N, C-alpha and C. Protein backbone atom coordinates (compact mmCIF):
# COMPACT_ATOMS: atom_id res chain seq x y z
N UNK A 1 -40.93 -2.32 23.93
CA UNK A 1 -40.48 -3.22 24.99
C UNK A 1 -39.75 -2.40 26.05
N UNK A 2 -40.11 -2.61 27.28
CA UNK A 2 -39.50 -1.88 28.38
C UNK A 2 -38.51 -2.77 29.11
N UNK A 3 -37.37 -2.15 29.51
CA UNK A 3 -36.33 -2.89 30.21
C UNK A 3 -36.14 -2.32 31.61
N UNK A 4 -36.19 -3.17 32.61
CA UNK A 4 -35.88 -2.78 33.99
C UNK A 4 -34.39 -2.96 34.18
N UNK A 5 -33.64 -1.86 34.09
CA UNK A 5 -32.19 -1.95 34.08
C UNK A 5 -31.64 -2.54 35.38
N UNK A 6 -32.33 -2.28 36.50
CA UNK A 6 -31.85 -2.79 37.79
C UNK A 6 -31.95 -4.30 37.88
N UNK A 7 -32.84 -4.88 37.07
CA UNK A 7 -33.04 -6.33 37.11
C UNK A 7 -32.14 -7.08 36.13
N UNK A 8 -31.32 -6.35 35.38
CA UNK A 8 -30.49 -6.97 34.35
C UNK A 8 -29.05 -7.08 34.82
N UNK A 9 -28.31 -8.02 34.24
CA UNK A 9 -26.91 -8.15 34.61
C UNK A 9 -26.06 -7.19 33.79
N UNK A 10 -24.78 -7.12 34.14
CA UNK A 10 -23.87 -6.15 33.51
C UNK A 10 -23.83 -6.32 32.00
N UNK A 11 -23.71 -7.54 31.53
CA UNK A 11 -23.62 -7.80 30.10
C UNK A 11 -24.85 -7.35 29.34
N UNK A 12 -26.02 -7.57 29.91
CA UNK A 12 -27.26 -7.16 29.27
C UNK A 12 -27.37 -5.64 29.19
N UNK A 13 -27.03 -4.98 30.30
CA UNK A 13 -27.08 -3.51 30.31
C UNK A 13 -26.08 -2.93 29.31
N UNK A 14 -24.89 -3.52 29.28
CA UNK A 14 -23.86 -3.05 28.35
C UNK A 14 -24.35 -3.18 26.90
N UNK A 15 -24.98 -4.31 26.59
CA UNK A 15 -25.44 -4.54 25.21
C UNK A 15 -26.49 -3.51 24.81
N UNK A 16 -27.41 -3.20 25.71
CA UNK A 16 -28.46 -2.23 25.38
C UNK A 16 -27.90 -0.82 25.24
N UNK A 17 -27.04 -0.41 26.17
CA UNK A 17 -26.47 0.93 26.11
C UNK A 17 -25.56 1.08 24.89
N UNK A 18 -24.75 0.07 24.65
CA UNK A 18 -23.78 0.09 23.57
C UNK A 18 -24.45 0.10 22.20
N UNK A 19 -25.63 -0.51 22.12
CA UNK A 19 -26.32 -0.64 20.83
C UNK A 19 -27.19 0.55 20.50
N UNK A 20 -27.40 1.45 21.45
CA UNK A 20 -28.32 2.55 21.20
C UNK A 20 -27.68 3.93 21.29
N UNK A 21 -26.70 4.11 22.14
CA UNK A 21 -26.05 5.42 22.26
C UNK A 21 -24.91 5.47 21.25
N UNK A 22 -25.23 5.84 20.03
CA UNK A 22 -24.26 5.82 18.94
C UNK A 22 -24.51 7.02 18.01
N UNK A 23 -23.48 7.45 17.27
CA UNK A 23 -22.09 7.03 17.41
C UNK A 23 -21.45 7.70 18.62
N UNK A 24 -20.42 7.06 19.14
CA UNK A 24 -19.69 7.60 20.29
C UNK A 24 -18.26 7.91 19.87
N UNK A 25 -17.77 9.12 20.16
CA UNK A 25 -16.37 9.41 19.84
C UNK A 25 -15.44 8.52 20.65
N UNK A 26 -14.28 8.29 20.11
CA UNK A 26 -13.31 7.39 20.75
C UNK A 26 -12.21 8.21 21.42
N UNK A 27 -12.01 7.94 22.70
CA UNK A 27 -10.89 8.54 23.43
C UNK A 27 -9.76 7.52 23.43
N UNK A 28 -8.73 7.80 22.68
CA UNK A 28 -7.54 6.93 22.63
C UNK A 28 -6.61 7.48 23.70
N UNK A 29 -6.63 6.85 24.87
CA UNK A 29 -6.05 7.45 26.07
C UNK A 29 -4.62 7.00 26.31
N UNK A 30 -3.76 7.97 26.57
CA UNK A 30 -2.39 7.70 26.99
C UNK A 30 -2.25 8.01 28.48
N UNK A 31 -1.74 7.05 29.23
CA UNK A 31 -1.42 7.27 30.64
C UNK A 31 -0.02 6.72 30.90
N UNK A 32 0.48 6.99 32.09
CA UNK A 32 1.82 6.53 32.44
C UNK A 32 1.79 5.96 33.86
N UNK A 33 2.38 4.79 34.02
CA UNK A 33 2.42 4.16 35.33
C UNK A 33 3.50 4.80 36.20
N UNK A 34 3.53 4.42 37.47
CA UNK A 34 4.50 4.99 38.40
C UNK A 34 5.94 4.72 37.97
N UNK A 35 6.15 3.59 37.28
CA UNK A 35 7.51 3.26 36.83
C UNK A 35 7.78 3.70 35.39
N UNK A 36 6.91 4.56 34.84
CA UNK A 36 7.17 5.16 33.54
C UNK A 36 6.69 4.38 32.34
N UNK A 37 5.92 3.30 32.53
CA UNK A 37 5.41 2.52 31.41
C UNK A 37 4.20 3.23 30.81
N UNK A 38 4.23 3.45 29.51
CA UNK A 38 3.14 4.14 28.82
C UNK A 38 2.05 3.15 28.45
N UNK A 39 0.83 3.45 28.90
CA UNK A 39 -0.33 2.64 28.57
C UNK A 39 -1.16 3.39 27.54
N UNK A 40 -1.61 2.69 26.51
CA UNK A 40 -2.45 3.28 25.47
C UNK A 40 -3.67 2.38 25.28
N UNK A 41 -4.87 2.97 25.38
CA UNK A 41 -6.08 2.16 25.25
C UNK A 41 -7.24 3.02 24.75
N UNK A 42 -8.11 2.46 23.91
CA UNK A 42 -9.27 3.20 23.42
C UNK A 42 -10.50 2.97 24.28
N UNK A 43 -11.26 4.05 24.48
CA UNK A 43 -12.52 3.98 25.23
C UNK A 43 -13.57 4.81 24.50
N UNK A 44 -14.78 4.29 24.40
CA UNK A 44 -15.83 5.03 23.69
C UNK A 44 -16.92 5.57 24.60
N UNK A 45 -16.84 5.30 25.90
CA UNK A 45 -17.72 6.00 26.83
C UNK A 45 -17.02 7.30 27.18
N UNK A 46 -17.16 8.28 26.27
CA UNK A 46 -16.34 9.49 26.32
C UNK A 46 -17.06 10.63 25.62
N UNK A 47 -16.89 11.84 26.16
CA UNK A 47 -17.38 13.03 25.46
C UNK A 47 -16.91 14.28 26.18
N UNK A 48 -17.12 15.44 25.52
CA UNK A 48 -16.92 16.73 26.17
C UNK A 48 -18.08 16.98 27.11
N UNK A 49 -17.82 17.64 28.24
CA UNK A 49 -18.93 17.93 29.16
C UNK A 49 -18.86 19.33 29.73
N UNK A 50 -18.02 20.21 29.17
CA UNK A 50 -17.97 21.58 29.65
C UNK A 50 -16.87 22.37 28.97
N UNK A 51 -16.98 23.70 29.05
CA UNK A 51 -15.97 24.56 28.45
C UNK A 51 -15.44 25.64 29.40
N UNK A 52 -15.99 25.75 30.60
CA UNK A 52 -15.54 26.77 31.53
C UNK A 52 -15.48 26.19 32.95
N UNK A 53 -14.44 25.44 33.28
CA UNK A 53 -13.27 25.14 32.46
C UNK A 53 -13.58 24.06 31.43
N UNK A 54 -12.70 23.88 30.44
CA UNK A 54 -12.92 22.84 29.44
C UNK A 54 -12.78 21.45 30.07
N UNK A 55 -13.82 20.64 29.95
CA UNK A 55 -13.85 19.35 30.62
C UNK A 55 -14.18 18.23 29.64
N UNK A 56 -13.59 17.07 29.89
CA UNK A 56 -13.97 15.84 29.20
C UNK A 56 -14.36 14.81 30.26
N UNK A 57 -15.19 13.86 29.85
CA UNK A 57 -15.66 12.84 30.78
C UNK A 57 -15.41 11.46 30.18
N UNK A 58 -14.94 10.55 31.02
CA UNK A 58 -14.65 9.18 30.62
C UNK A 58 -15.42 8.22 31.51
N UNK A 59 -15.93 7.15 30.93
CA UNK A 59 -16.51 6.06 31.69
C UNK A 59 -15.62 4.85 31.55
N UNK A 60 -14.88 4.52 32.58
CA UNK A 60 -13.88 3.45 32.52
C UNK A 60 -14.40 2.23 33.28
N UNK A 61 -14.87 1.24 32.53
CA UNK A 61 -15.39 0.04 33.15
C UNK A 61 -14.27 -0.75 33.81
N UNK A 62 -14.58 -1.37 34.93
CA UNK A 62 -13.61 -2.22 35.58
C UNK A 62 -13.43 -3.52 34.80
N UNK A 63 -12.38 -4.24 35.10
CA UNK A 63 -12.13 -5.53 34.46
C UNK A 63 -13.30 -6.47 34.75
N UNK A 64 -13.93 -6.99 33.69
CA UNK A 64 -15.10 -7.85 33.86
C UNK A 64 -14.79 -9.10 34.67
N UNK A 65 -13.55 -9.59 34.57
CA UNK A 65 -13.20 -10.86 35.22
C UNK A 65 -12.86 -10.68 36.69
N UNK A 66 -12.10 -9.62 37.00
CA UNK A 66 -11.62 -9.45 38.37
C UNK A 66 -12.36 -8.38 39.16
N UNK A 67 -13.03 -7.49 38.45
CA UNK A 67 -13.69 -6.38 39.13
C UNK A 67 -12.76 -5.26 39.52
N UNK A 68 -11.47 -5.39 39.18
CA UNK A 68 -10.47 -4.39 39.54
C UNK A 68 -10.35 -3.30 38.46
N UNK A 69 -9.75 -2.19 38.85
CA UNK A 69 -9.49 -1.13 37.88
C UNK A 69 -8.51 -1.61 36.82
N UNK A 70 -8.74 -1.22 35.57
CA UNK A 70 -7.79 -1.51 34.51
C UNK A 70 -6.63 -0.51 34.59
N UNK A 71 -5.64 -0.72 33.73
CA UNK A 71 -4.44 0.11 33.78
C UNK A 71 -4.75 1.60 33.61
N UNK A 72 -5.65 1.92 32.67
CA UNK A 72 -5.95 3.33 32.40
C UNK A 72 -6.47 4.03 33.65
N UNK A 73 -7.48 3.45 34.28
CA UNK A 73 -8.05 4.06 35.48
C UNK A 73 -7.04 4.10 36.62
N UNK A 74 -6.28 3.00 36.78
CA UNK A 74 -5.26 2.95 37.84
C UNK A 74 -4.27 4.08 37.68
N UNK A 75 -3.79 4.28 36.44
CA UNK A 75 -2.78 5.32 36.20
C UNK A 75 -3.34 6.73 36.36
N UNK A 76 -4.58 6.94 35.92
CA UNK A 76 -5.17 8.27 36.04
C UNK A 76 -5.35 8.65 37.50
N UNK A 77 -5.87 7.72 38.29
CA UNK A 77 -6.09 8.01 39.70
C UNK A 77 -4.76 8.27 40.42
N UNK A 78 -3.73 7.51 40.06
CA UNK A 78 -2.43 7.65 40.73
C UNK A 78 -1.68 8.91 40.31
N UNK A 79 -1.65 9.18 39.01
CA UNK A 79 -0.84 10.30 38.52
C UNK A 79 -1.62 11.59 38.36
N UNK A 80 -2.95 11.46 38.22
CA UNK A 80 -3.85 12.60 38.02
C UNK A 80 -3.60 13.30 36.69
N UNK A 81 -3.07 12.58 35.72
CA UNK A 81 -2.81 13.13 34.39
C UNK A 81 -3.12 12.09 33.32
N UNK A 82 -3.56 12.56 32.16
CA UNK A 82 -3.78 11.67 31.02
C UNK A 82 -3.93 12.51 29.77
N UNK A 83 -3.84 11.84 28.62
CA UNK A 83 -4.02 12.51 27.33
C UNK A 83 -5.09 11.77 26.54
N UNK A 84 -6.07 12.50 26.05
CA UNK A 84 -7.10 11.95 25.18
C UNK A 84 -6.75 12.30 23.74
N UNK A 85 -6.60 11.29 22.90
CA UNK A 85 -6.32 11.48 21.48
C UNK A 85 -7.54 11.04 20.68
N UNK A 86 -7.93 11.84 19.68
CA UNK A 86 -9.03 11.44 18.80
C UNK A 86 -8.47 10.56 17.69
N UNK A 87 -9.34 9.73 17.12
CA UNK A 87 -8.90 8.68 16.20
C UNK A 87 -9.37 8.95 14.77
N UNK A 88 -8.42 9.01 13.84
CA UNK A 88 -8.76 9.11 12.43
C UNK A 88 -8.89 7.71 11.85
N UNK A 89 -9.57 7.62 10.71
CA UNK A 89 -9.73 6.32 10.07
C UNK A 89 -8.38 5.70 9.71
N UNK A 90 -7.40 6.55 9.41
CA UNK A 90 -6.07 6.04 9.07
C UNK A 90 -5.44 5.29 10.23
N UNK A 91 -5.84 5.60 11.46
CA UNK A 91 -5.28 4.95 12.65
C UNK A 91 -6.19 3.85 13.21
N UNK A 92 -7.26 3.53 12.52
CA UNK A 92 -8.26 2.60 13.06
C UNK A 92 -7.65 1.25 13.44
N UNK A 93 -6.86 0.68 12.57
CA UNK A 93 -6.34 -0.67 12.84
C UNK A 93 -5.35 -0.68 13.99
N UNK A 94 -4.47 0.32 14.04
CA UNK A 94 -3.50 0.35 15.14
C UNK A 94 -4.20 0.69 16.45
N UNK A 95 -5.23 1.54 16.38
CA UNK A 95 -6.02 1.82 17.58
C UNK A 95 -6.65 0.54 18.11
N UNK A 96 -7.22 -0.24 17.21
CA UNK A 96 -7.86 -1.49 17.59
C UNK A 96 -6.84 -2.45 18.21
N UNK A 97 -5.62 -2.43 17.70
CA UNK A 97 -4.58 -3.32 18.23
C UNK A 97 -4.22 -2.96 19.67
N UNK A 98 -4.36 -1.68 20.03
CA UNK A 98 -4.03 -1.29 21.41
C UNK A 98 -5.13 -1.68 22.40
N UNK A 99 -6.24 -2.23 21.90
CA UNK A 99 -7.31 -2.67 22.80
C UNK A 99 -7.08 -4.08 23.34
N UNK A 100 -5.96 -4.71 22.96
CA UNK A 100 -5.69 -6.08 23.40
C UNK A 100 -5.53 -6.13 24.92
N UNK A 101 -5.79 -7.30 25.48
CA UNK A 101 -5.67 -7.50 26.92
C UNK A 101 -4.22 -7.80 27.25
N UNK A 102 -3.40 -6.77 27.17
CA UNK A 102 -1.96 -6.95 27.39
C UNK A 102 -1.65 -7.03 28.88
N UNK A 103 -0.61 -7.76 29.27
CA UNK A 103 -0.18 -7.77 30.68
C UNK A 103 0.20 -6.37 31.13
N UNK A 104 0.16 -6.14 32.43
CA UNK A 104 0.42 -4.80 32.97
C UNK A 104 1.85 -4.33 32.69
N UNK A 105 2.78 -5.24 32.47
CA UNK A 105 4.16 -4.83 32.24
C UNK A 105 4.48 -4.67 30.76
N UNK A 106 3.45 -4.67 29.90
CA UNK A 106 3.64 -4.48 28.47
C UNK A 106 2.99 -3.17 28.05
N UNK A 107 3.74 -2.33 27.36
CA UNK A 107 3.20 -1.07 26.84
C UNK A 107 2.49 -1.33 25.52
N UNK A 108 1.22 -0.96 25.43
CA UNK A 108 0.48 -1.13 24.18
C UNK A 108 1.07 -0.27 23.07
N UNK A 109 1.71 0.83 23.44
CA UNK A 109 2.35 1.67 22.43
C UNK A 109 3.47 0.91 21.73
N UNK A 110 4.27 0.19 22.52
CA UNK A 110 5.33 -0.63 21.93
C UNK A 110 4.75 -1.81 21.17
N UNK A 111 3.76 -2.45 21.77
CA UNK A 111 3.15 -3.65 21.17
C UNK A 111 2.54 -3.35 19.80
N UNK A 112 1.86 -2.20 19.69
CA UNK A 112 1.17 -1.86 18.44
C UNK A 112 1.99 -0.95 17.53
N UNK A 113 3.16 -0.54 17.98
CA UNK A 113 3.99 0.34 17.17
C UNK A 113 3.41 1.74 17.03
N UNK A 114 2.88 2.28 18.13
CA UNK A 114 2.28 3.61 18.12
C UNK A 114 3.37 4.67 18.31
N UNK A 115 3.46 5.61 17.39
CA UNK A 115 4.43 6.70 17.50
C UNK A 115 3.91 7.72 18.50
N UNK A 116 4.75 8.10 19.45
CA UNK A 116 4.37 9.03 20.50
C UNK A 116 5.12 10.35 20.35
N UNK A 117 4.52 11.40 20.90
CA UNK A 117 5.14 12.72 20.91
C UNK A 117 5.02 13.28 22.32
N UNK A 118 5.97 14.11 22.75
CA UNK A 118 5.91 14.64 24.12
C UNK A 118 4.75 15.60 24.31
N UNK A 119 4.18 15.55 25.50
CA UNK A 119 3.17 16.53 25.88
C UNK A 119 3.87 17.77 26.43
N UNK A 120 3.10 18.82 26.66
CA UNK A 120 3.69 20.08 27.10
C UNK A 120 3.40 20.40 28.57
N UNK A 121 2.24 19.91 29.09
CA UNK A 121 1.86 20.26 30.46
C UNK A 121 1.60 19.05 31.35
N UNK A 122 1.57 17.86 30.78
CA UNK A 122 1.37 16.65 31.59
C UNK A 122 2.46 15.64 31.25
N UNK A 123 2.60 14.64 32.11
CA UNK A 123 3.65 13.65 31.93
C UNK A 123 3.43 12.68 30.79
N UNK A 124 2.24 12.08 30.68
CA UNK A 124 2.03 11.09 29.62
C UNK A 124 2.18 11.71 28.23
N UNK A 125 2.73 10.98 27.28
CA UNK A 125 2.87 11.51 25.93
C UNK A 125 1.55 11.49 25.19
N UNK A 126 1.54 12.10 24.01
CA UNK A 126 0.38 12.04 23.13
C UNK A 126 0.71 11.17 21.92
N UNK A 127 -0.32 10.84 21.16
CA UNK A 127 -0.12 10.02 19.97
C UNK A 127 0.19 10.94 18.79
N UNK A 128 1.33 10.74 18.18
CA UNK A 128 1.83 11.68 17.17
C UNK A 128 0.92 11.80 15.96
N UNK A 129 0.26 10.71 15.56
CA UNK A 129 -0.55 10.73 14.35
C UNK A 129 -1.97 11.20 14.57
N UNK A 130 -2.35 11.45 15.80
CA UNK A 130 -3.73 11.86 16.08
C UNK A 130 -3.98 13.28 15.59
N UNK A 131 -5.12 13.52 14.93
CA UNK A 131 -5.42 14.88 14.47
C UNK A 131 -5.60 15.86 15.63
N UNK A 132 -6.10 15.37 16.76
CA UNK A 132 -6.37 16.22 17.91
C UNK A 132 -6.00 15.46 19.19
N UNK A 133 -5.32 16.14 20.09
CA UNK A 133 -4.98 15.56 21.40
C UNK A 133 -5.28 16.57 22.49
N UNK A 134 -5.81 16.07 23.61
CA UNK A 134 -6.14 16.90 24.75
C UNK A 134 -5.31 16.45 25.96
N UNK A 135 -4.44 17.33 26.44
CA UNK A 135 -3.72 17.04 27.67
C UNK A 135 -4.65 17.37 28.84
N UNK A 136 -4.80 16.43 29.75
CA UNK A 136 -5.81 16.58 30.80
C UNK A 136 -5.23 16.35 32.20
N UNK A 137 -5.78 17.09 33.14
CA UNK A 137 -5.52 16.87 34.55
C UNK A 137 -6.81 16.41 35.21
N UNK A 138 -6.69 15.45 36.09
CA UNK A 138 -7.86 14.88 36.76
C UNK A 138 -8.51 15.90 37.68
N UNK A 139 -9.83 16.08 37.54
CA UNK A 139 -10.59 16.90 38.47
C UNK A 139 -11.39 16.04 39.43
N UNK A 140 -12.02 14.97 38.92
CA UNK A 140 -12.79 14.07 39.77
C UNK A 140 -12.69 12.65 39.23
N UNK A 141 -12.60 11.70 40.14
CA UNK A 141 -12.69 10.28 39.79
C UNK A 141 -13.71 9.66 40.74
N UNK A 142 -14.83 9.24 40.20
CA UNK A 142 -15.95 8.79 41.01
C UNK A 142 -16.17 7.30 40.78
N UNK A 143 -16.10 6.54 41.84
CA UNK A 143 -16.37 5.10 41.76
C UNK A 143 -17.87 4.88 41.91
N UNK A 144 -18.50 4.43 40.85
CA UNK A 144 -19.94 4.14 40.88
C UNK A 144 -20.14 2.73 40.35
N UNK A 145 -20.47 1.81 41.23
CA UNK A 145 -20.65 0.43 40.80
C UNK A 145 -19.38 -0.15 40.24
N UNK A 146 -19.46 -0.70 39.03
CA UNK A 146 -18.31 -1.37 38.43
C UNK A 146 -17.65 -0.50 37.36
N UNK A 147 -17.52 0.78 37.67
CA UNK A 147 -16.88 1.69 36.74
C UNK A 147 -16.33 2.89 37.48
N UNK A 148 -15.35 3.52 36.86
CA UNK A 148 -14.78 4.76 37.36
C UNK A 148 -15.16 5.86 36.39
N UNK A 149 -15.89 6.85 36.87
CA UNK A 149 -16.24 8.01 36.04
C UNK A 149 -15.19 9.08 36.28
N UNK A 150 -14.49 9.46 35.22
CA UNK A 150 -13.39 10.41 35.31
C UNK A 150 -13.79 11.71 34.64
N UNK A 151 -13.59 12.81 35.34
CA UNK A 151 -13.75 14.14 34.75
C UNK A 151 -12.38 14.80 34.73
N UNK A 152 -11.94 15.18 33.53
CA UNK A 152 -10.62 15.77 33.38
C UNK A 152 -10.71 17.17 32.81
N UNK A 153 -9.84 18.05 33.28
CA UNK A 153 -9.76 19.40 32.73
C UNK A 153 -8.71 19.44 31.63
N UNK A 154 -9.08 19.96 30.48
CA UNK A 154 -8.15 20.08 29.36
C UNK A 154 -7.25 21.29 29.62
N UNK A 155 -5.96 21.03 29.79
CA UNK A 155 -5.02 22.11 30.09
C UNK A 155 -4.19 22.50 28.87
N UNK A 156 -4.21 21.67 27.85
CA UNK A 156 -3.54 21.98 26.58
C UNK A 156 -4.18 21.14 25.49
N UNK A 157 -4.24 21.70 24.31
CA UNK A 157 -4.86 21.02 23.17
C UNK A 157 -3.94 21.12 21.97
N UNK A 158 -3.78 20.03 21.25
CA UNK A 158 -2.96 20.00 20.05
C UNK A 158 -3.84 19.66 18.85
N UNK A 159 -3.75 20.46 17.79
CA UNK A 159 -4.44 20.19 16.54
C UNK A 159 -3.40 20.19 15.43
N UNK A 160 -3.39 19.13 14.65
CA UNK A 160 -2.45 19.05 13.53
C UNK A 160 -2.63 20.26 12.62
N UNK A 161 -1.52 20.92 12.27
CA UNK A 161 -1.57 22.12 11.43
C UNK A 161 -2.31 21.89 10.12
N UNK A 162 -2.30 20.66 9.62
CA UNK A 162 -2.96 20.36 8.35
C UNK A 162 -4.46 20.60 8.42
N UNK A 163 -5.02 20.64 9.64
CA UNK A 163 -6.47 20.77 9.78
C UNK A 163 -6.89 22.11 10.36
N UNK A 164 -5.98 23.09 10.33
CA UNK A 164 -6.31 24.44 10.77
C UNK A 164 -6.43 25.31 9.52
N UNK A 165 -7.65 25.65 9.16
CA UNK A 165 -7.86 26.40 7.92
C UNK A 165 -7.73 27.90 8.13
N UNK A 166 -7.99 28.38 9.36
CA UNK A 166 -7.82 29.80 9.67
C UNK A 166 -7.41 29.92 11.13
N UNK A 167 -6.10 30.10 11.39
CA UNK A 167 -5.62 30.16 12.77
C UNK A 167 -6.21 31.30 13.58
N UNK A 168 -6.41 32.47 12.96
CA UNK A 168 -6.91 33.62 13.70
C UNK A 168 -8.35 33.42 14.16
N UNK A 169 -9.18 32.86 13.30
CA UNK A 169 -10.59 32.66 13.63
C UNK A 169 -10.87 31.27 14.20
N UNK A 170 -9.81 30.46 14.34
CA UNK A 170 -9.93 29.10 14.88
C UNK A 170 -10.89 28.24 14.05
N UNK A 171 -10.83 28.39 12.73
CA UNK A 171 -11.60 27.54 11.85
C UNK A 171 -10.81 26.24 11.62
N UNK A 172 -11.44 25.12 11.94
CA UNK A 172 -10.79 23.84 11.77
C UNK A 172 -11.45 23.05 10.65
N UNK A 173 -10.66 22.27 9.94
CA UNK A 173 -11.19 21.39 8.91
C UNK A 173 -11.55 20.06 9.56
N UNK A 174 -12.63 20.07 10.32
CA UNK A 174 -13.03 18.87 11.04
C UNK A 174 -13.34 17.71 10.10
N UNK A 175 -14.09 17.90 8.99
CA UNK A 175 -14.32 16.76 8.09
C UNK A 175 -13.03 16.15 7.55
N UNK A 176 -12.02 17.03 7.34
CA UNK A 176 -10.75 16.53 6.81
C UNK A 176 -10.01 15.63 7.77
N UNK A 177 -10.34 15.69 9.06
CA UNK A 177 -9.67 14.84 10.05
C UNK A 177 -10.03 13.37 9.89
N UNK A 178 -11.17 13.10 9.27
CA UNK A 178 -11.58 11.70 9.07
C UNK A 178 -11.78 10.95 10.37
N UNK A 179 -12.35 11.61 11.37
CA UNK A 179 -12.53 10.97 12.67
C UNK A 179 -13.56 9.85 12.60
N UNK A 180 -13.37 8.84 13.43
CA UNK A 180 -14.30 7.72 13.48
C UNK A 180 -14.88 7.59 14.88
N UNK A 181 -16.00 6.88 14.98
CA UNK A 181 -16.65 6.65 16.26
C UNK A 181 -17.11 5.21 16.37
N UNK A 182 -17.51 4.83 17.55
CA UNK A 182 -18.02 3.48 17.80
C UNK A 182 -19.53 3.46 17.64
N UNK A 183 -20.04 2.35 17.14
CA UNK A 183 -21.48 2.18 17.02
C UNK A 183 -21.91 0.93 17.77
N UNK A 184 -22.94 0.26 17.26
CA UNK A 184 -23.52 -0.89 17.93
C UNK A 184 -22.62 -2.12 17.84
N UNK A 185 -22.75 -3.01 18.82
CA UNK A 185 -22.12 -4.32 18.73
C UNK A 185 -20.61 -4.30 18.73
N UNK A 186 -20.04 -5.48 18.78
CA UNK A 186 -18.58 -5.64 18.84
C UNK A 186 -17.97 -5.35 17.47
N UNK A 187 -16.99 -4.47 17.46
CA UNK A 187 -16.21 -4.25 16.26
C UNK A 187 -16.79 -3.30 15.23
N UNK A 188 -17.90 -2.63 15.52
CA UNK A 188 -18.52 -1.76 14.53
C UNK A 188 -18.16 -0.29 14.79
N UNK A 189 -17.80 0.39 13.68
CA UNK A 189 -17.38 1.79 13.74
C UNK A 189 -18.14 2.60 12.70
N UNK A 190 -18.11 3.92 12.87
CA UNK A 190 -18.76 4.82 11.93
C UNK A 190 -17.79 5.88 11.47
N UNK A 191 -17.90 6.24 10.19
CA UNK A 191 -17.18 7.40 9.68
C UNK A 191 -18.02 8.65 9.92
N UNK A 192 -17.38 9.80 9.80
CA UNK A 192 -18.09 11.07 10.00
C UNK A 192 -18.23 11.83 8.70
N UNK A 193 -18.29 11.09 7.59
CA UNK A 193 -18.33 11.73 6.27
C UNK A 193 -19.76 11.99 5.80
N UNK A 194 -20.74 11.27 6.29
CA UNK A 194 -22.13 11.46 5.87
C UNK A 194 -22.82 12.38 6.87
N UNK A 195 -22.85 13.68 6.54
CA UNK A 195 -23.34 14.67 7.48
C UNK A 195 -24.39 15.56 6.82
N UNK A 196 -25.19 16.24 7.65
CA UNK A 196 -26.12 17.24 7.15
C UNK A 196 -26.18 18.38 8.15
N UNK A 197 -26.64 19.54 7.69
CA UNK A 197 -26.64 20.74 8.52
C UNK A 197 -28.07 21.21 8.78
N UNK A 198 -28.30 21.71 9.99
CA UNK A 198 -29.56 22.34 10.36
C UNK A 198 -29.23 23.65 11.07
N UNK A 199 -29.78 24.75 10.57
CA UNK A 199 -29.57 26.02 11.23
C UNK A 199 -30.40 26.08 12.51
N UNK A 200 -29.83 26.60 13.58
CA UNK A 200 -30.58 26.73 14.83
C UNK A 200 -31.67 27.78 14.65
N UNK A 201 -32.93 27.42 14.92
CA UNK A 201 -34.02 28.37 14.66
C UNK A 201 -34.11 29.45 15.72
N UNK A 202 -34.71 30.57 15.33
CA UNK A 202 -35.02 31.65 16.26
C UNK A 202 -36.40 31.40 16.85
N UNK A 203 -36.60 31.86 18.07
CA UNK A 203 -37.90 31.69 18.70
C UNK A 203 -38.94 32.52 17.96
N UNK A 204 -40.08 31.91 17.65
CA UNK A 204 -41.17 32.55 16.92
C UNK A 204 -42.38 32.64 17.85
N UNK A 205 -42.67 33.86 18.31
CA UNK A 205 -43.77 34.04 19.26
C UNK A 205 -45.11 33.67 18.63
N UNK A 206 -45.28 33.97 17.35
CA UNK A 206 -46.54 33.64 16.69
C UNK A 206 -46.74 32.14 16.61
N UNK A 207 -45.68 31.41 16.34
CA UNK A 207 -45.78 29.95 16.30
C UNK A 207 -46.21 29.41 17.66
N UNK A 208 -45.66 29.97 18.73
CA UNK A 208 -46.03 29.52 20.07
C UNK A 208 -47.51 29.78 20.33
N UNK A 209 -48.00 30.94 19.89
CA UNK A 209 -49.41 31.25 20.09
C UNK A 209 -50.30 30.32 19.28
N UNK A 210 -49.90 30.05 18.02
CA UNK A 210 -50.69 29.16 17.16
C UNK A 210 -50.73 27.75 17.73
N UNK A 211 -49.58 27.30 18.26
CA UNK A 211 -49.52 25.95 18.82
C UNK A 211 -50.41 25.85 20.04
N UNK A 212 -50.36 26.87 20.90
CA UNK A 212 -51.18 26.87 22.11
C UNK A 212 -52.66 26.91 21.75
N UNK A 213 -53.02 27.70 20.72
CA UNK A 213 -54.41 27.80 20.29
C UNK A 213 -54.91 26.46 19.77
N UNK A 214 -54.03 25.74 19.10
CA UNK A 214 -54.42 24.43 18.54
C UNK A 214 -54.63 23.37 19.59
N UNK A 215 -54.10 23.59 20.79
CA UNK A 215 -54.24 22.62 21.86
C UNK A 215 -55.49 22.84 22.70
N UNK A 216 -56.15 23.98 22.47
CA UNK A 216 -57.35 24.29 23.27
C UNK A 216 -58.63 23.96 22.52
């Protein structure tokens, strides 16, 4: 079945994209308003997009009802700083609680009882229980349709000492972090415990010749 995305409404496009691009890592984002109120919210339109410099990318949908920027996008554009925290299964319920549609004058960190820790290079704090946190400075904020695409440069990274197996070689115990991601539909998440490995193959010139010969 083929879908003409331009002919579909926002909800239909969201359902198709959300149900197929999975699993998606969760960016549990901390920002700070001009008057110092800490906003905490999870977003799953998120990933790494570069390492020189180290970059992360966020897709921040506007408020479906008003069409306006939500608190996270508003704060990032204004302050040009934010922190992305990754989510362990142990934090799943409190992370979900911070997704509530809270009034602008209510901090989700206070509402959900999220423990915060100071950042080192940006103003917004990080989430103390997160296995990994990325302090970010805004590089680009692009308004495209009903969303703000944010590209942030990672200026500092925090990894819980419990998950550093070899500091000199930067070996991390990623499976031990118990990170979760978003999957299809409302409320569905995935664990990262069911994994498999594939070694990256070397180019085989003979295989290329055999394949080409088979096509003639």
